[in-house]
Amino acid sequence: MSEKLEAQTCTPCRGGIPPLERAEAEALLAETPGWTLADEAGRLERSFTFRNFAQALAFVDGVGRLAEEQGHHPEISFGWGHATVSWRTKKIKGLHRNDFVMAAKTSELAQRIGEG
């Protein structure tokens, strides 16, 4: 059995490789419940809901810390009780396995904070 995505570490992506094909992205998407492919399978996105602004802010702060630790950074928008996170590897203008690793880690963080 392979290691769960949320337990993996991002590998440095310096560009020069092709983004994941749609079929590869869809296979990894099955391991990241709640996430959707956007922009013709070039981006991963998910919206989260929280009980209040403080939880949404704590989530965004946690995603930021996680992004810094892993060296892979998302687009995030948030407000009172909600946040939307989007993952894409900018250097390859599409999706990389790292995006799915980070999506899984993001979902795990949302559960710990109390999403829903």
PDB file of N, CA and C in Angstrom:
ATOM      1  N   MET A   1       0.838  -1.175   0.000  1.00  0.00           N
ATOM      2  CA  MET A   1       0.000   0.000   0.000  1.00  0.00           C
ATOM      3  C   MET A   1       0.886   1.243   0.000  1.00  0.00           C
ATOM      4  N   SER A   2       0.587   2.205  -0.828  1.00  0.00           N
ATOM      5  CA  SER A   2       1.431   3.391  -0.912  1.00  0.00           C
ATOM      6  C   SER A   2       1.076   4.391   0.191  1.00  0.00           C
ATOM      7  N   GLU A   3       2.025   5.242   0.486  1.00  0.00           N
ATOM      8  CA  GLU A   3       1.866   6.246   1.525  1.00  0.00           C
ATOM      9  C   GLU A   3       0.774   7.247   1.133  1.00  0.00           C
ATOM     10  N   LYS A   4      -0.083   7.611   2.084  1.00  0.00           N
ATOM     11  CA  LYS A   4      -1.141   8.584   1.824  1.00  0.00           C
ATOM     12  C   LYS A   4      -0.532   9.914   1.407  1.00  0.00           C
ATOM     13  N   LEU A   5      -1.248  10.644   0.559  1.00  0.00           N
ATOM     14  CA  LEU A   5      -0.740  11.921   0.060  1.00  0.00           C
ATOM     15  C   LEU A   5      -0.403  12.889   1.187  1.00  0.00           C
ATOM     16  N   GLU A   6      -1.276  12.980   2.212  1.00  0.00           N
ATOM     17  CA  GLU A   6      -1.039  13.955   3.282  1.00  0.00           C
ATOM     18  C   GLU A   6       0.210  13.649   4.096  1.00  0.00           C
ATOM     19  N   ALA A   7       0.726  12.443   4.003  1.00  0.00           N
ATOM     20  CA  ALA A   7       1.946  12.069   4.724  1.00  0.00           C
ATOM     21  C   ALA A   7       3.200  12.313   3.900  1.00  0.00           C
ATOM     22  N   GLN A   8       3.033  12.662   2.635  1.00  0.00           N
ATOM     23  CA  GLN A   8       4.180  12.874   1.753  1.00  0.00           C
ATOM     24  C   GLN A   8       4.701  14.302   1.859  1.00  0.00           C
ATOM     25  N   THR A   9       5.887  14.512   1.325  1.00  0.00           N
ATOM     26  CA  THR A   9       6.532  15.826   1.302  1.00  0.00           C
ATOM     27  C   THR A   9       6.646  16.271  -0.148  1.00  0.00           C
ATOM     28  N   CYS A  10       6.457  17.565  -0.364  1.00  0.00           N
ATOM     29  CA  CYS A  10       6.621  18.093  -1.718  1.00  0.00           C
ATOM     30  C   CYS A  10       8.077  17.936  -2.162  1.00  0.00           C
ATOM     31  N   THR A  11       8.239  17.627  -3.433  1.00  0.00           N
ATOM     32  CA  THR A  11       9.573  17.557  -4.018  1.00  0.00           C
ATOM     33  C   THR A  11       9.804  18.840  -4.811  1.00  0.00           C
ATOM     34  N   PRO A  12      10.996  19.385  -4.790  1.00  0.00           N
ATOM     35  CA  PRO A  12      11.234  20.623  -5.531  1.00  0.00           C
ATOM     36  C   PRO A  12      10.913  20.464  -7.017  1.00  0.00           C
ATOM     37  N   CYS A  13      10.192  21.441  -7.543  1.00  0.00           N
ATOM     38  CA  CYS A  13       9.861  21.447  -8.969  1.00  0.00           C
ATOM     39  C   CYS A  13      10.488  22.692  -9.574  1.00  0.00           C
ATOM     40  N   ARG A  14      11.461  22.489 -10.414  1.00  0.00           N
ATOM     41  CA  ARG A  14      12.186  23.609 -10.993  1.00  0.00           C
ATOM     42  C   ARG A  14      11.710  23.949 -12.408  1.00  0.00           C
ATOM     43  N   GLY A  15      10.643  23.301 -12.831  1.00  0.00           N
ATOM     44  CA  GLY A  15      10.145  23.548 -14.171  1.00  0.00           C
ATOM     45  C   GLY A  15      10.795  22.614 -15.170  1.00  0.00           C
ATOM     46  N   GLY A  16      10.464  22.802 -16.428  1.00  0.00           N
ATOM     47  CA  GLY A  16      11.048  21.987 -17.478  1.00  0.00           C
ATOM     48  C   GLY A  16      10.439  20.610 -17.623  1.00  0.00           C
ATOM     49  N   ILE A  17       9.373  20.342 -16.879  1.00  0.00           N
ATOM     50  CA  ILE A  17       8.661  19.075 -17.015  1.00  0.00           C
ATOM     51  C   ILE A  17       7.218  19.386 -17.396  1.00  0.00           C
ATOM     52  N   PRO A  18       6.556  18.470 -18.048  1.00  0.00           N
ATOM     53  CA  PRO A  18       5.162  18.748 -18.421  1.00  0.00           C
ATOM     54  C   PRO A  18       4.237  18.599 -17.217  1.00  0.00           C
ATOM     55  N   PRO A  19       3.130  19.341 -17.216  1.00  0.00           N
ATOM     56  CA  PRO A  19       2.145  19.143 -16.157  1.00  0.00           C
ATOM     57  C   PRO A  19       1.496  17.764 -16.304  1.00  0.00           C
ATOM     58  N   LEU A  20       0.811  17.329 -15.268  1.00  0.00           N
ATOM     59  CA  LEU A  20       0.115  16.042 -15.316  1.00  0.00           C
ATOM     60  C   LEU A  20      -0.917  16.030 -16.431  1.00  0.00           C
ATOM     61  N   GLU A  21      -1.039  14.888 -17.070  1.00  0.00           N
ATOM     62  CA  GLU A  21      -2.115  14.692 -18.045  1.00  0.00           C
ATOM     63  C   GLU A  21      -3.423  14.592 -17.268  1.00  0.00           C
ATOM     64  N   ARG A  22      -4.538  14.860 -17.932  1.00  0.00           N
ATOM     65  CA  ARG A  22      -5.846  14.820 -17.282  1.00  0.00           C
ATOM     66  C   ARG A  22      -6.083  13.483 -16.574  1.00  0.00           C
ATOM     67  N   ALA A  23      -5.761  12.367 -17.207  1.00  0.00           N
ATOM     68  CA  ALA A  23      -5.987  11.043 -16.611  1.00  0.00           C
ATOM     69  C   ALA A  23      -5.182  10.880 -15.321  1.00  0.00           C
ATOM     70  N   GLU A  24      -3.949  11.371 -15.318  1.00  0.00           N
ATOM     71  CA  GLU A  24      -3.118  11.296 -14.112  1.00  0.00           C
ATOM     72  C   GLU A  24      -3.723  12.158 -13.000  1.00  0.00           C
ATOM     73  N   ALA A  25      -4.181  13.358 -13.374  1.00  0.00           N
ATOM     74  CA  ALA A  25      -4.793  14.258 -12.400  1.00  0.00           C
ATOM     75  C   ALA A  25      -6.079  13.653 -11.838  1.00  0.00           C
ATOM     76  N   GLU A  26      -6.875  13.039 -12.688  1.00  0.00           N
ATOM     77  CA  GLU A  26      -8.119  12.429 -12.224  1.00  0.00           C
ATOM     78  C   GLU A  26      -7.851  11.256 -11.279  1.00  0.00           C
ATOM     79  N   ALA A  27      -6.798  10.501 -11.532  1.00  0.00           N
ATOM     80  CA  ALA A  27      -6.438   9.392 -10.638  1.00  0.00           C
ATOM     81  C   ALA A  27      -6.045   9.925  -9.256  1.00  0.00           C
ATOM     82  N   LEU A  28      -5.268  11.003  -9.213  1.00  0.00           N
ATOM     83  CA  LEU A  28      -4.877  11.598  -7.942  1.00  0.00           C
ATOM     84  C   LEU A  28      -6.049  12.309  -7.273  1.00  0.00           C
ATOM     85  N   LEU A  29      -6.960  12.833  -8.076  1.00  0.00           N
ATOM     86  CA  LEU A  29      -8.141  13.502  -7.537  1.00  0.00           C
ATOM     87  C   LEU A  29      -8.966  12.536  -6.687  1.00  0.00           C
ATOM     88  N   ALA A  30      -8.978  11.277  -7.052  1.00  0.00           N
ATOM     89  CA  ALA A  30      -9.710  10.268  -6.282  1.00  0.00           C
ATOM     90  C   ALA A  30      -9.161  10.139  -4.859  1.00  0.00           C
ATOM     91  N   GLU A  31      -7.913  10.551  -4.655  1.00  0.00           N
ATOM     92  CA  GLU A  31      -7.286  10.490  -3.331  1.00  0.00           C
ATOM     93  C   GLU A  31      -7.457  11.792  -2.548  1.00  0.00           C
ATOM     94  N   THR A  32      -8.136  12.765  -3.146  1.00  0.00           N
ATOM     95  CA  THR A  32      -8.328  14.065  -2.491  1.00  0.00           C
ATOM     96  C   THR A  32      -9.812  14.441  -2.529  1.00  0.00           C
ATOM     97  N   PRO A  33     -10.640  13.768  -1.723  1.00  0.00           N
ATOM     98  CA  PRO A  33     -12.079  14.034  -1.725  1.00  0.00           C
ATOM     99  C   PRO A  33     -12.406  15.504  -1.464  1.00  0.00           C
ATOM    100  N   GLY A  34     -13.409  16.002  -2.173  1.00  0.00           N
ATOM    101  CA  GLY A  34     -13.859  17.376  -2.002  1.00  0.00           C
ATOM    102  C   GLY A  34     -13.188  18.367  -2.929  1.00  0.00           C
ATOM    103  N   TRP A  35     -12.077  18.000  -3.533  1.00  0.00           N
ATOM    104  CA  TRP A  35     -11.360  18.884  -4.450  1.00  0.00           C
ATOM    105  C   TRP A  35     -11.895  18.681  -5.862  1.00  0.00           C
ATOM    106  N   THR A  36     -11.792  19.718  -6.674  1.00  0.00           N
ATOM    107  CA  THR A  36     -12.228  19.627  -8.065  1.00  0.00           C
ATOM    108  C   THR A  36     -11.108  20.101  -8.976  1.00  0.00           C
ATOM    109  N   LEU A  37     -11.115  19.585 -10.186  1.00  0.00           N
ATOM    110  CA  LEU A  37     -10.192  20.059 -11.211  1.00  0.00           C
ATOM    111  C   LEU A  37     -10.834  21.275 -11.877  1.00  0.00           C
ATOM    112  N   ALA A  38     -10.056  22.303 -12.104  1.00  0.00           N
ATOM    113  CA  ALA A  38     -10.522  23.519 -12.765  1.00  0.00           C
ATOM    114  C   ALA A  38      -9.556  23.863 -13.888  1.00  0.00           C
ATOM    115  N   ASP A  39      -9.942  24.804 -14.715  1.00  0.00           N
ATOM    116  CA  ASP A  39      -9.088  25.268 -15.813  1.00  0.00           C
ATOM    117  C   ASP A  39      -8.559  24.109 -16.660  1.00  0.00           C
ATOM    118  N   GLU A  40      -9.469  23.283 -17.132  1.00  0.00           N
ATOM    119  CA  GLU A  40      -9.121  22.146 -17.987  1.00  0.00           C
ATOM    120  C   GLU A  40      -8.059  21.251 -17.339  1.00  0.00           C
ATOM    121  N   ALA A  41      -8.265  20.940 -16.078  1.00  0.00           N
ATOM    122  CA  ALA A  41      -7.381  20.071 -15.285  1.00  0.00           C
ATOM    123  C   ALA A  41      -6.004  20.701 -15.057  1.00  0.00           C
ATOM    124  N   GLY A  42      -5.955  22.039 -15.044  1.00  0.00           N
ATOM    125  CA  GLY A  42      -4.702  22.731 -14.789  1.00  0.00           C
ATOM    126  C   GLY A  42      -4.589  23.307 -13.394  1.00  0.00           C
ATOM    127  N   ARG A  43      -5.648  23.103 -12.575  1.00  0.00           N
ATOM    128  CA  ARG A  43      -5.673  23.680 -11.233  1.00  0.00           C
ATOM    129  C   ARG A  43      -6.608  22.847 -10.363  1.00  0.00           C
ATOM    130  N   LEU A  44      -6.293  22.762  -9.070  1.00  0.00           N
ATOM    131  CA  LEU A  44      -7.140  22.104  -8.068  1.00  0.00           C
ATOM    132  C   LEU A  44      -7.769  23.171  -7.204  1.00  0.00           C
ATOM    133  N   GLU A  45      -9.043  23.003  -6.854  1.00  0.00           N
ATOM    134  CA  GLU A  45      -9.697  24.002  -6.030  1.00  0.00           C
ATOM    135  C   GLU A  45     -10.683  23.357  -5.071  1.00  0.00           C
ATOM    136  N   ARG A  46     -10.829  23.975  -3.903  1.00  0.00           N
ATOM    137  CA  ARG A  46     -11.826  23.525  -2.932  1.00  0.00           C
ATOM    138  C   ARG A  46     -12.215  24.696  -2.046  1.00  0.00           C
ATOM    139  N   SER A  47     -13.501  24.763  -1.733  1.00  0.00           N
ATOM    140  CA  SER A  47     -14.007  25.757  -0.784  1.00  0.00           C
ATOM    141  C   SER A  47     -14.286  25.066   0.541  1.00  0.00           C
ATOM    142  N   PHE A  48     -13.988  25.757   1.623  1.00  0.00           N
ATOM    143  CA  PHE A  48     -14.172  25.247   2.972  1.00  0.00           C
ATOM    144  C   PHE A  48     -15.083  26.198   3.737  1.00  0.00           C
ATOM    145  N   THR A  49     -15.864  25.665   4.661  1.00  0.00           N
ATOM    146  CA  THR A  49     -16.685  26.511   5.523  1.00  0.00           C
ATOM    147  C   THR A  49     -16.300  26.271   6.977  1.00  0.00           C
ATOM    148  N   PHE A  50     -16.412  27.340   7.760  1.00  0.00           N
ATOM    149  CA  PHE A  50     -16.062  27.302   9.173  1.00  0.00           C
ATOM    150  C   PHE A  50     -17.158  28.004   9.972  1.00  0.00           C
ATOM    151  N   ARG A  51     -17.134  27.829  11.286  1.00  0.00           N
ATOM    152  CA  ARG A  51     -18.196  28.390  12.135  1.00  0.00           C
ATOM    153  C   ARG A  51     -18.106  29.905  12.291  1.00  0.00           C
ATOM    154  N   ASN A  52     -16.915  30.471  12.054  1.00  0.00           N
ATOM    155  CA  ASN A  52     -16.770  31.908  12.267  1.00  0.00           C
ATOM    156  C   ASN A  52     -15.513  32.428  11.570  1.00  0.00           C
ATOM    157  N   PHE A  53     -15.297  33.717  11.698  1.00  0.00           N
ATOM    158  CA  PHE A  53     -14.139  34.344  11.067  1.00  0.00           C
ATOM    159  C   PHE A  53     -12.829  33.836  11.673  1.00  0.00           C
ATOM    160  N   ALA A  54     -12.810  33.666  12.989  1.00  0.00           N
ATOM    161  CA  ALA A  54     -11.574  33.238  13.662  1.00  0.00           C
ATOM    162  C   ALA A  54     -11.107  31.880  13.149  1.00  0.00           C
ATOM    163  N   GLN A  55     -12.033  30.952  12.944  1.00  0.00           N
ATOM    164  CA  GLN A  55     -11.647  29.636  12.414  1.00  0.00           C
ATOM    165  C   GLN A  55     -11.149  29.747  10.978  1.00  0.00           C
ATOM    166  N   ALA A  56     -11.826  30.557  10.173  1.00  0.00           N
ATOM    167  CA  ALA A  56     -11.381  30.743   8.781  1.00  0.00           C
ATOM    168  C   ALA A  56      -9.980  31.348   8.752  1.00  0.00           C
ATOM    169  N   LEU A  57      -9.737  32.318   9.606  1.00  0.00           N
ATOM    170  CA  LEU A  57      -8.420  32.957   9.675  1.00  0.00           C
ATOM    171  C   LEU A  57      -7.358  31.968  10.160  1.00  0.00           C
ATOM    172  N   ALA A  58      -7.695  31.167  11.162  1.00  0.00           N
ATOM    173  CA  ALA A  58      -6.745  30.160  11.666  1.00  0.00           C
ATOM    174  C   ALA A  58      -6.406  29.159  10.558  1.00  0.00           C
ATOM    175  N   PHE A  59      -7.397  28.792   9.775  1.00  0.00           N
ATOM    176  CA  PHE A  59      -7.176  27.876   8.652  1.00  0.00           C
ATOM    177  C   PHE A  59      -6.228  28.507   7.631  1.00  0.00           C
ATOM    178  N   VAL A  60      -6.509  29.730   7.236  1.00  0.00           N
ATOM    179  CA  VAL A  60      -5.660  30.413   6.243  1.00  0.00           C
ATOM    180  C   VAL A  60      -4.238  30.552   6.765  1.00  0.00           C
ATOM    181  N   ASP A  61      -4.101  30.901   8.035  1.00  0.00           N
ATOM    182  CA  ASP A  61      -2.772  31.008   8.646  1.00  0.00           C
ATOM    183  C   ASP A  61      -2.066  29.650   8.618  1.00  0.00           C
ATOM    184  N   GLY A  62      -2.807  28.591   8.930  1.00  0.00           N
ATOM    185  CA  GLY A  62      -2.229  27.246   8.916  1.00  0.00           C
ATOM    186  C   GLY A  62      -1.803  26.820   7.520  1.00  0.00           C
ATOM    187  N   VAL A  63      -2.620  27.146   6.525  1.00  0.00           N
ATOM    188  CA  VAL A  63      -2.248  26.818   5.142  1.00  0.00           C
ATOM    189  C   VAL A  63      -0.993  27.588   4.758  1.00  0.00           C
ATOM    190  N   GLY A  64      -0.897  28.837   5.182  1.00  0.00           N
ATOM    191  CA  GLY A  64       0.301  29.629   4.899  1.00  0.00           C
ATOM    192  C   GLY A  64       1.550  29.034   5.514  1.00  0.00           C
ATOM    193  N   ARG A  65       1.454  28.598   6.769  1.00  0.00           N
ATOM    194  CA  ARG A  65       2.606  27.974   7.421  1.00  0.00           C
ATOM    195  C   ARG A  65       2.986  26.676   6.722  1.00  0.00           C
ATOM    196  N   LEU A  66       1.991  25.890   6.380  1.00  0.00           N
ATOM    197  CA  LEU A  66       2.224  24.633   5.668  1.00  0.00           C
ATOM    198  C   LEU A  66       2.903  24.894   4.319  1.00  0.00           C
ATOM    199  N   ALA A  67       2.429  25.900   3.609  1.00  0.00           N
ATOM    200  CA  ALA A  67       3.011  26.253   2.306  1.00  0.00           C
ATOM    201  C   ALA A  67       4.481  26.646   2.449  1.00  0.00           C
ATOM    202  N   GLU A  68       4.786  27.423   3.472  1.00  0.00           N
ATOM    203  CA  GLU A  68       6.176  27.819   3.695  1.00  0.00           C
ATOM    204  C   GLU A  68       7.041  26.612   4.033  1.00  0.00           C
ATOM    205  N   GLU A  69       6.525  25.709   4.880  1.00  0.00           N
ATOM    206  CA  GLU A  69       7.284  24.504   5.243  1.00  0.00           C
ATOM    207  C   GLU A  69       7.580  23.634   4.030  1.00  0.00           C
ATOM    208  N   GLN A  70       6.607  23.514   3.141  1.00  0.00           N
ATOM    209  CA  GLN A  70       6.727  22.619   1.991  1.00  0.00           C
ATOM    210  C   GLN A  70       7.312  23.314   0.759  1.00  0.00           C
ATOM    211  N   GLY A  71       7.411  24.636   0.784  1.00  0.00           N
ATOM    212  CA  GLY A  71       7.943  25.375  -0.361  1.00  0.00           C
ATOM    213  C   GLY A  71       7.014  25.340  -1.566  1.00  0.00           C
ATOM    214  N   HIS A  72       5.709  25.282  -1.294  1.00  0.00           N
ATOM    215  CA  HIS A  72       4.718  25.228  -2.382  1.00  0.00           C
ATOM    216  C   HIS A  72       3.528  26.066  -1.941  1.00  0.00           C
ATOM    217  N   HIS A  73       3.139  27.057  -2.738  1.00  0.00           N
ATOM    218  CA  HIS A  73       2.217  28.092  -2.284  1.00  0.00           C
ATOM    219  C   HIS A  73       0.943  28.170  -3.126  1.00  0.00           C
ATOM    220  N   PRO A  74      -0.212  28.313  -2.434  1.00  0.00           N
ATOM    221  CA  PRO A  74      -1.502  28.355  -3.120  1.00  0.00           C
ATOM    222  C   PRO A  74      -1.997  29.779  -3.343  1.00  0.00           C
ATOM    223  N   GLU A  75      -3.128  29.859  -4.001  1.00  0.00           N
ATOM    224  CA  GLU A  75      -3.936  31.074  -4.043  1.00  0.00           C
ATOM    225  C   GLU A  75      -5.026  30.827  -3.003  1.00  0.00           C
ATOM    226  N   ILE A  76      -5.300  31.815  -2.152  1.00  0.00           N
ATOM    227  CA  ILE A  76      -6.306  31.673  -1.110  1.00  0.00           C
ATOM    228  C   ILE A  76      -7.175  32.925  -1.079  1.00  0.00           C
ATOM    229  N   SER A  77      -8.484  32.715  -0.962  1.00  0.00           N
ATOM    230  CA  SER A  77      -9.386  33.826  -0.661  1.00  0.00           C
ATOM    231  C   SER A  77     -10.229  33.384   0.525  1.00  0.00           C
ATOM    232  N   PHE A  78     -10.562  34.347   1.397  1.00  0.00           N
ATOM    233  CA  PHE A  78     -11.356  33.966   2.559  1.00  0.00           C
ATOM    234  C   PHE A  78     -12.125  35.153   3.101  1.00  0.00           C
ATOM    235  N   GLY A  79     -13.077  34.839   3.942  1.00  0.00           N
ATOM    236  CA  GLY A  79     -13.889  35.841   4.622  1.00  0.00           C
ATOM    237  C   GLY A  79     -14.546  35.189   5.820  1.00  0.00           C
ATOM    238  N   TRP A  80     -15.611  35.794   6.317  1.00  0.00           N
ATOM    239  CA  TRP A  80     -16.274  35.301   7.518  1.00  0.00           C
ATOM    240  C   TRP A  80     -16.801  33.893   7.279  1.00  0.00           C
ATOM    241  N   GLY A  81     -16.169  32.907   7.911  1.00  0.00           N
ATOM    242  CA  GLY A  81     -16.640  31.529   7.879  1.00  0.00           C
ATOM    243  C   GLY A  81     -16.371  30.752   6.603  1.00  0.00           C
ATOM    244  N   HIS A  82     -15.512  31.252   5.738  1.00  0.00           N
ATOM    245  CA  HIS A  82     -15.235  30.506   4.501  1.00  0.00           C
ATOM    246  C   HIS A  82     -13.832  30.800   3.965  1.00  0.00           C
ATOM    247  N   ALA A  83     -13.328  29.849   3.188  1.00  0.00           N
ATOM    248  CA  ALA A  83     -12.044  30.021   2.505  1.00  0.00           C
ATOM    249  C   ALA A  83     -12.038  29.142   1.262  1.00  0.00           C
ATOM    250  N   THR A  84     -11.418  29.633   0.216  1.00  0.00           N
ATOM    251  CA  THR A  84     -11.232  28.855  -1.001  1.00  0.00           C
ATOM    252  C   THR A  84      -9.741  28.787  -1.280  1.00  0.00           C
ATOM    253  N   VAL A  85      -9.268  27.564  -1.527  1.00  0.00           N
ATOM    254  CA  VAL A  85      -7.843  27.332  -1.774  1.00  0.00           C
ATOM    255  C   VAL A  85      -7.687  26.740  -3.166  1.00  0.00           C
ATOM    256  N   SER A  86      -6.703  27.226  -3.879  1.00  0.00           N
ATOM    257  CA  SER A  86      -6.428  26.769  -5.241  1.00  0.00           C
ATOM    258  C   SER A  86      -4.948  26.416  -5.355  1.00  0.00           C
ATOM    259  N   TRP A  87      -4.674  25.205  -5.822  1.00  0.00           N
ATOM    260  CA  TRP A  87      -3.296  24.732  -6.009  1.00  0.00           C
ATOM    261  C   TRP A  87      -2.998  24.575  -7.494  1.00  0.00           C
ATOM    262  N   ARG A  88      -1.810  25.028  -7.887  1.00  0.00           N
ATOM    263  CA  ARG A  88      -1.310  24.910  -9.258  1.00  0.00           C
ATOM    264  C   ARG A  88       0.194  25.141  -9.200  1.00  0.00           C
ATOM    265  N   THR A  89       0.951  24.392  -9.973  1.00  0.00           N
ATOM    266  CA  THR A  89       2.398  24.597 -10.003  1.00  0.00           C
ATOM    267  C   THR A  89       2.699  25.602 -11.108  1.00  0.00           C
ATOM    268  N   LYS A  90       3.006  26.804 -10.691  1.00  0.00           N
ATOM    269  CA  LYS A  90       3.177  27.910 -11.641  1.00  0.00           C
ATOM    270  C   LYS A  90       4.332  27.687 -12.611  1.00  0.00           C
ATOM    271  N   LYS A  91       5.407  27.032 -12.149  1.00  0.00           N
ATOM    272  CA  LYS A  91       6.580  26.828 -13.013  1.00  0.00           C
ATOM    273  C   LYS A  91       6.292  25.935 -14.211  1.00  0.00           C
ATOM    274  N   ILE A  92       5.279  25.082 -14.096  1.00  0.00           N
ATOM    275  CA  ILE A  92       4.947  24.209 -15.228  1.00  0.00           C
ATOM    276  C   ILE A  92       3.572  24.541 -15.800  1.00  0.00           C
ATOM    277  N   LYS A  93       2.957  25.602 -15.255  1.00  0.00           N
ATOM    278  CA  LYS A  93       1.661  26.074 -15.741  1.00  0.00           C
ATOM    279  C   LYS A  93       0.603  24.975 -15.756  1.00  0.00           C
ATOM    280  N   GLY A  94       0.569  24.211 -14.660  1.00  0.00           N
ATOM    281  CA  GLY A  94      -0.414  23.135 -14.550  1.00  0.00           C
ATOM    282  C   GLY A  94      -0.226  22.381 -13.251  1.00  0.00           C
ATOM    283  N   LEU A  95      -0.744  21.181 -13.234  1.00  0.00           N
ATOM    284  CA  LEU A  95      -0.704  20.379 -12.014  1.00  0.00           C
ATOM    285  C   LEU A  95       0.502  19.438 -11.962  1.00  0.00           C
ATOM    286  N   HIS A  96       1.010  19.292 -10.752  1.00  0.00           N
ATOM    287  CA  HIS A  96       2.119  18.406 -10.416  1.00  0.00           C
ATOM    288  C   HIS A  96       1.641  17.568  -9.234  1.00  0.00           C
ATOM    289  N   ARG A  97       2.249  16.468  -8.976  1.00  0.00           N
ATOM    290  CA  ARG A  97       1.881  15.649  -7.815  1.00  0.00           C
ATOM    291  C   ARG A  97       1.893  16.475  -6.527  1.00  0.00           C
ATOM    292  N   ASN A  98       2.815  17.438  -6.424  1.00  0.00           N
ATOM    293  CA  ASN A  98       2.878  18.304  -5.241  1.00  0.00           C
ATOM    294  C   ASN A  98       1.540  18.976  -4.940  1.00  0.00           C
ATOM    295  N   ASP A  99       0.808  19.354  -5.966  1.00  0.00           N
ATOM    296  CA  ASP A  99      -0.467  20.028  -5.756  1.00  0.00           C
ATOM    297  C   ASP A  99      -1.455  19.116  -5.034  1.00  0.00           C
ATOM    298  N   PHE A 100      -1.421  17.841  -5.351  1.00  0.00           N
ATOM    299  CA  PHE A 100      -2.308  16.876  -4.699  1.00  0.00           C
ATOM    300  C   PHE A 100      -1.841  16.569  -3.278  1.00  0.00           C
ATOM    301  N   VAL A 101      -0.531  16.540  -3.076  1.00  0.00           N
ATOM    302  CA  VAL A 101       0.007  16.369  -1.726  1.00  0.00           C
ATOM    303  C   VAL A 101      -0.467  17.536  -0.860  1.00  0.00           C
ATOM    304  N   MET A 102      -0.361  18.747  -1.366  1.00  0.00           N
ATOM    305  CA  MET A 102      -0.763  19.920  -0.606  1.00  0.00           C
ATOM    306  C   MET A 102      -2.275  19.979  -0.413  1.00  0.00           C
ATOM    307  N   ALA A 103      -3.036  19.544  -1.403  1.00  0.00           N
ATOM    308  CA  ALA A 103      -4.499  19.503  -1.253  1.00  0.00           C
ATOM    309  C   ALA A 103      -4.876  18.560  -0.110  1.00  0.00           C
ATOM    310  N   ALA A 104      -4.247  17.411  -0.053  1.00  0.00           N
ATOM    311  CA  ALA A 104      -4.533  16.446   1.012  1.00  0.00           C
ATOM    312  C   ALA A 104      -4.141  17.018   2.377  1.00  0.00           C
ATOM    313  N   LYS A 105      -3.001  17.683   2.443  1.00  0.00           N
ATOM    314  CA  LYS A 105      -2.567  18.298   3.694  1.00  0.00           C
ATOM    315  C   LYS A 105      -3.528  19.422   4.097  1.00  0.00           C
ATOM    316  N   THR A 106      -4.018  20.177   3.126  1.00  0.00           N
ATOM    317  CA  THR A 106      -4.963  21.265   3.382  1.00  0.00           C
ATOM    318  C   THR A 106      -6.272  20.717   3.944  1.00  0.00           C
ATOM    319  N   SER A 107      -6.763  19.629   3.369  1.00  0.00           N
ATOM    320  CA  SER A 107      -7.999  19.009   3.866  1.00  0.00           C
ATOM    321  C   SER A 107      -7.833  18.508   5.294  1.00  0.00           C
ATOM    322  N   GLU A 108      -6.696  17.911   5.563  1.00  0.00           N
ATOM    323  CA  GLU A 108      -6.412  17.406   6.909  1.00  0.00           C
ATOM    324  C   GLU A 108      -6.397  18.562   7.919  1.00  0.00           C
ATOM    325  N   LEU A 109      -5.791  19.684   7.545  1.00  0.00           N
ATOM    326  CA  LEU A 109      -5.747  20.860   8.393  1.00  0.00           C
ATOM    327  C   LEU A 109      -7.169  21.382   8.656  1.00  0.00           C
ATOM    328  N   ALA A 110      -7.992  21.450   7.625  1.00  0.00           N
ATOM    329  CA  ALA A 110      -9.362  21.933   7.780  1.00  0.00           C
ATOM    330  C   ALA A 110     -10.142  21.070   8.773  1.00  0.00           C
ATOM    331  N   GLN A 111      -9.932  19.773   8.724  1.00  0.00           N
ATOM    332  CA  GLN A 111     -10.612  18.877   9.673  1.00  0.00           C
ATOM    333  C   GLN A 111     -10.164  19.158  11.104  1.00  0.00           C
ATOM    334  N   ARG A 112      -8.865  19.384  11.285  1.00  0.00           N
ATOM    335  CA  ARG A 112      -8.351  19.667  12.639  1.00  0.00           C
ATOM    336  C   ARG A 112      -8.906  20.975  13.195  1.00  0.00           C
ATOM    337  N   ILE A 113      -9.088  21.968  12.319  1.00  0.00           N
ATOM    338  CA  ILE A 113      -9.574  23.274  12.768  1.00  0.00           C
ATOM    339  C   ILE A 113     -11.079  23.229  13.030  1.00  0.00           C
ATOM    340  N   GLY A 114     -11.779  22.359  12.368  1.00  0.00           N
ATOM    341  CA  GLY A 114     -13.213  22.230  12.605  1.00  0.00           C
ATOM    342  C   GLY A 114     -14.065  22.695  11.438  1.00  0.00           C
ATOM    343  N   GLU A 115     -13.642  22.328  10.241  1.00  0.00           N
ATOM    344  CA  GLU A 115     -14.414  22.682   9.052  1.00  0.00           C
ATOM    345  C   GLU A 115     -15.831  22.130   9.186  1.00  0.00           C
ATOM    346  N   GLY A 116     -16.764  22.884   8.603  1.00  0.00           N
ATOM    347  CA  GLY A 116     -18.141  22.406   8.552  1.00  0.00           C
ATOM    348  C   GLY A 116     -18.986  23.116   9.443  1.00  0.00           C
TER     349      GLY A 116
END
